[in-house]
N, C-alpha and C. Protein backbone atom coordinates (compact mmCIF):
# COMPACT_ATOMS: atom_id res chain seq x y z
N MET A 1 0.84 -1.19 0.00
CA MET A 1 0.00 0.00 0.00
C MET A 1 0.88 1.25 0.00
N SER A 2 0.60 2.15 -0.91
CA SER A 2 1.37 3.38 -1.02
C SER A 2 0.88 4.41 -0.01
N LEU A 3 1.82 5.14 0.57
CA LEU A 3 1.47 6.18 1.53
C LEU A 3 1.39 7.55 0.89
N SER A 4 1.65 7.63 -0.41
CA SER A 4 1.59 8.93 -1.08
C SER A 4 0.17 9.23 -1.54
N ILE A 5 -0.13 10.50 -1.57
CA ILE A 5 -1.44 10.96 -2.01
C ILE A 5 -1.23 11.92 -3.17
N GLY A 6 -1.94 11.72 -4.25
CA GLY A 6 -1.82 12.61 -5.40
C GLY A 6 -2.88 13.70 -5.35
N ALA A 7 -2.56 14.83 -5.91
CA ALA A 7 -3.52 15.93 -5.96
C ALA A 7 -3.19 16.84 -7.13
N SER A 8 -4.20 17.48 -7.64
CA SER A 8 -4.03 18.48 -8.68
C SER A 8 -4.88 19.68 -8.29
N ILE A 9 -4.26 20.86 -8.27
CA ILE A 9 -4.96 22.06 -7.86
C ILE A 9 -4.86 23.10 -8.97
N SER A 10 -5.97 23.69 -9.31
CA SER A 10 -6.00 24.78 -10.27
C SER A 10 -6.45 26.03 -9.52
N PHE A 11 -5.66 27.08 -9.60
CA PHE A 11 -5.90 28.29 -8.82
C PHE A 11 -6.04 29.44 -9.79
N HIS A 12 -7.25 29.86 -10.10
CA HIS A 12 -7.49 30.95 -11.04
C HIS A 12 -7.66 32.25 -10.26
N LEU A 13 -6.75 33.18 -10.47
CA LEU A 13 -6.73 34.42 -9.71
C LEU A 13 -7.83 35.38 -10.16
N THR A 14 -8.36 36.12 -9.20
CA THR A 14 -9.29 37.20 -9.48
C THR A 14 -8.52 38.51 -9.36
N GLU A 15 -9.20 39.59 -9.07
CA GLU A 15 -8.54 40.90 -8.98
C GLU A 15 -7.86 41.13 -7.64
N GLU A 16 -7.99 40.20 -6.68
CA GLU A 16 -7.50 40.46 -5.34
C GLU A 16 -6.50 39.41 -4.82
N PRO A 17 -5.57 38.92 -5.63
CA PRO A 17 -4.64 37.91 -5.10
C PRO A 17 -3.50 38.54 -4.31
N PHE A 18 -2.95 37.76 -3.39
CA PHE A 18 -1.71 38.18 -2.76
C PHE A 18 -0.94 36.96 -2.28
N VAL A 19 0.36 37.16 -2.15
CA VAL A 19 1.27 36.10 -1.73
C VAL A 19 1.99 36.61 -0.48
N LEU A 20 2.15 35.72 0.48
CA LEU A 20 2.77 36.11 1.74
C LEU A 20 3.62 34.95 2.25
N CYS A 21 4.78 35.26 2.78
CA CYS A 21 5.63 34.25 3.39
C CYS A 21 5.63 34.46 4.90
N HIS A 22 5.25 33.43 5.62
CA HIS A 22 5.29 33.45 7.07
C HIS A 22 6.60 32.79 7.50
N GLY A 23 7.54 33.58 7.96
CA GLY A 23 8.83 33.06 8.40
C GLY A 23 8.87 32.97 9.92
N TYR A 24 9.47 31.93 10.42
CA TYR A 24 9.52 31.71 11.86
C TYR A 24 10.95 31.60 12.37
N GLY A 25 11.88 32.16 11.63
CA GLY A 25 13.28 32.10 12.04
C GLY A 25 13.77 30.67 12.13
N THR A 26 14.35 30.32 13.23
CA THR A 26 14.89 28.96 13.42
C THR A 26 13.91 28.04 14.15
N LYS A 27 12.70 28.53 14.45
CA LYS A 27 11.74 27.75 15.23
C LYS A 27 11.02 26.68 14.42
N ARG A 28 10.75 26.96 13.16
CA ARG A 28 10.04 26.00 12.31
C ARG A 28 10.18 26.41 10.85
N SER A 29 9.76 25.52 9.96
CA SER A 29 9.81 25.81 8.52
C SER A 29 8.85 26.94 8.17
N PRO A 30 9.20 27.75 7.20
CA PRO A 30 8.31 28.83 6.78
C PRO A 30 7.09 28.28 6.04
N ILE A 31 6.09 29.12 5.90
CA ILE A 31 4.88 28.78 5.16
C ILE A 31 4.71 29.84 4.08
N LEU A 32 4.51 29.41 2.83
CA LEU A 32 4.21 30.31 1.72
C LEU A 32 2.71 30.24 1.48
N ALA A 33 2.04 31.38 1.57
CA ALA A 33 0.59 31.43 1.40
C ALA A 33 0.24 32.23 0.15
N VAL A 34 -0.66 31.67 -0.63
CA VAL A 34 -1.24 32.35 -1.79
C VAL A 34 -2.73 32.45 -1.51
N GLN A 35 -3.24 33.66 -1.48
CA GLN A 35 -4.65 33.84 -1.17
C GLN A 35 -5.33 34.71 -2.20
N ASP A 36 -6.61 34.49 -2.33
CA ASP A 36 -7.43 35.23 -3.27
C ASP A 36 -8.80 35.39 -2.63
N LYS A 37 -9.70 35.97 -3.35
CA LYS A 37 -11.04 36.23 -2.83
C LYS A 37 -11.73 34.95 -2.36
N HIS A 38 -11.61 33.87 -3.12
CA HIS A 38 -12.36 32.65 -2.82
C HIS A 38 -11.50 31.42 -2.57
N ALA A 39 -10.20 31.56 -2.53
CA ALA A 39 -9.35 30.38 -2.38
C ALA A 39 -8.04 30.74 -1.69
N SER A 40 -7.43 29.73 -1.10
CA SER A 40 -6.11 29.93 -0.52
C SER A 40 -5.31 28.64 -0.64
N LEU A 41 -4.01 28.81 -0.66
CA LEU A 41 -3.09 27.70 -0.77
C LEU A 41 -1.93 27.98 0.17
N ALA A 42 -1.53 26.99 0.95
CA ALA A 42 -0.38 27.13 1.84
C ALA A 42 0.62 26.03 1.52
N LEU A 43 1.88 26.42 1.34
CA LEU A 43 2.96 25.46 1.11
C LEU A 43 3.87 25.47 2.33
N CYS A 44 4.11 24.28 2.86
CA CYS A 44 5.07 24.15 3.94
C CYS A 44 5.65 22.75 3.90
N ALA A 45 6.83 22.60 4.48
CA ALA A 45 7.51 21.31 4.48
C ALA A 45 6.86 20.39 5.50
N ARG A 46 6.75 19.14 5.13
CA ARG A 46 6.22 18.15 6.07
C ARG A 46 7.28 17.83 7.11
N ASP A 47 6.83 17.36 8.24
CA ASP A 47 7.77 16.92 9.28
C ASP A 47 8.64 15.81 8.70
N GLY A 48 9.89 15.85 8.97
CA GLY A 48 10.81 14.82 8.51
C GLY A 48 11.51 15.15 7.21
N LEU A 49 11.07 16.20 6.51
CA LEU A 49 11.77 16.59 5.28
C LEU A 49 13.06 17.28 5.69
N SER A 50 14.17 16.80 5.19
CA SER A 50 15.46 17.32 5.63
C SER A 50 15.64 18.78 5.20
N PRO A 51 16.47 19.52 5.92
CA PRO A 51 16.76 20.90 5.52
C PRO A 51 17.30 20.97 4.09
N THR A 52 18.11 20.01 3.68
CA THR A 52 18.64 19.98 2.32
C THR A 52 17.51 19.85 1.30
N GLU A 53 16.55 18.96 1.58
CA GLU A 53 15.41 18.78 0.68
C GLU A 53 14.52 20.02 0.64
N GLN A 54 14.34 20.65 1.80
CA GLN A 54 13.53 21.87 1.85
C GLN A 54 14.17 22.98 1.02
N LEU A 55 15.47 23.13 1.15
CA LEU A 55 16.18 24.17 0.40
C LEU A 55 16.15 23.87 -1.10
N LYS A 56 16.31 22.62 -1.48
CA LYS A 56 16.24 22.23 -2.89
C LYS A 56 14.88 22.59 -3.47
N PHE A 57 13.80 22.26 -2.74
CA PHE A 57 12.46 22.60 -3.22
C PHE A 57 12.27 24.11 -3.32
N ALA A 58 12.73 24.86 -2.31
CA ALA A 58 12.59 26.31 -2.33
C ALA A 58 13.29 26.91 -3.55
N ARG A 59 14.45 26.39 -3.88
CA ARG A 59 15.18 26.89 -5.06
C ARG A 59 14.46 26.53 -6.35
N GLU A 60 13.87 25.33 -6.41
CA GLU A 60 13.09 24.94 -7.59
C GLU A 60 11.85 25.82 -7.72
N LEU A 61 11.23 26.15 -6.60
CA LEU A 61 10.06 27.03 -6.60
C LEU A 61 10.45 28.42 -7.10
N LEU A 62 11.58 28.94 -6.64
CA LEU A 62 12.08 30.23 -7.10
C LEU A 62 12.33 30.22 -8.60
N SER A 63 12.97 29.18 -9.09
CA SER A 63 13.25 29.08 -10.52
C SER A 63 11.96 29.07 -11.33
N ALA A 64 10.96 28.31 -10.88
CA ALA A 64 9.68 28.26 -11.58
C ALA A 64 8.98 29.62 -11.53
N ALA A 65 9.07 30.31 -10.40
CA ALA A 65 8.46 31.64 -10.28
C ALA A 65 9.14 32.64 -11.22
N GLU A 66 10.46 32.55 -11.35
CA GLU A 66 11.18 33.42 -12.28
C GLU A 66 10.76 33.13 -13.72
N GLN A 67 10.57 31.87 -14.05
CA GLN A 67 10.10 31.51 -15.39
C GLN A 67 8.69 32.03 -15.62
N TYR A 68 7.85 31.98 -14.59
CA TYR A 68 6.48 32.49 -14.68
C TYR A 68 6.49 33.99 -14.95
N VAL A 69 7.35 34.72 -14.23
CA VAL A 69 7.47 36.17 -14.44
C VAL A 69 7.87 36.47 -15.88
N ALA A 70 8.85 35.75 -16.39
CA ALA A 70 9.30 35.96 -17.77
C ALA A 70 8.19 35.68 -18.76
N ALA A 71 7.42 34.62 -18.51
CA ALA A 71 6.32 34.28 -19.41
C ALA A 71 5.21 35.33 -19.37
N VAL A 72 4.91 35.85 -18.18
CA VAL A 72 3.90 36.91 -18.05
C VAL A 72 4.39 38.19 -18.72
N GLU A 73 5.67 38.51 -18.58
CA GLU A 73 6.23 39.68 -19.25
C GLU A 73 6.11 39.56 -20.77
N THR A 74 6.40 38.39 -21.30
CA THR A 74 6.27 38.15 -22.74
C THR A 74 4.82 38.31 -23.18
N TYR A 75 3.91 37.71 -22.42
CA TYR A 75 2.49 37.76 -22.75
C TYR A 75 1.95 39.19 -22.69
N THR A 76 2.26 39.92 -21.61
CA THR A 76 1.73 41.27 -21.47
C THR A 76 2.36 42.23 -22.47
N ALA A 77 3.61 42.01 -22.84
CA ALA A 77 4.25 42.85 -23.85
C ALA A 77 3.53 42.71 -25.19
N ALA A 78 3.08 41.51 -25.47
CA ALA A 78 2.37 41.27 -26.73
C ALA A 78 1.01 41.96 -26.74
N LEU A 79 0.41 42.17 -25.56
CA LEU A 79 -0.89 42.83 -25.48
C LEU A 79 -0.75 44.34 -25.72
N GLY A 80 0.37 44.90 -25.37
CA GLY A 80 0.55 46.35 -25.48
C GLY A 80 0.10 47.04 -24.22
N THR A 81 0.65 48.17 -23.94
CA THR A 81 0.37 48.87 -22.69
C THR A 81 -1.07 49.41 -22.62
N ALA A 82 -1.72 49.67 -23.74
CA ALA A 82 -3.08 50.20 -23.72
C ALA A 82 -4.04 49.23 -23.06
N GLN A 83 -3.83 47.93 -23.27
CA GLN A 83 -4.74 46.94 -22.69
C GLN A 83 -4.42 46.65 -21.24
N LEU A 84 -3.26 47.06 -20.74
CA LEU A 84 -2.87 46.76 -19.37
C LEU A 84 -3.40 47.78 -18.37
N ALA A 85 -3.85 48.92 -18.84
CA ALA A 85 -4.32 49.96 -17.93
C ALA A 85 -5.65 49.65 -17.30
């Protein structure tokens, strides 16, 4: 019997999204929260995940976020500034 659980989440932003990092210094792992008008998502490391694994994931998340920013910049540039106002 497998102990893993699969999930797929689709998070469609409205006009009021925000992202917040809850840092706890050396007391516990941080929590990354994404919230919107009708939904929220919290990312945090499970107990037992090594600091090395946590840091690896955080760096992968940063890389993906940087790629997302670049993709949004490309998309919005194609729309032109008149449509962004």
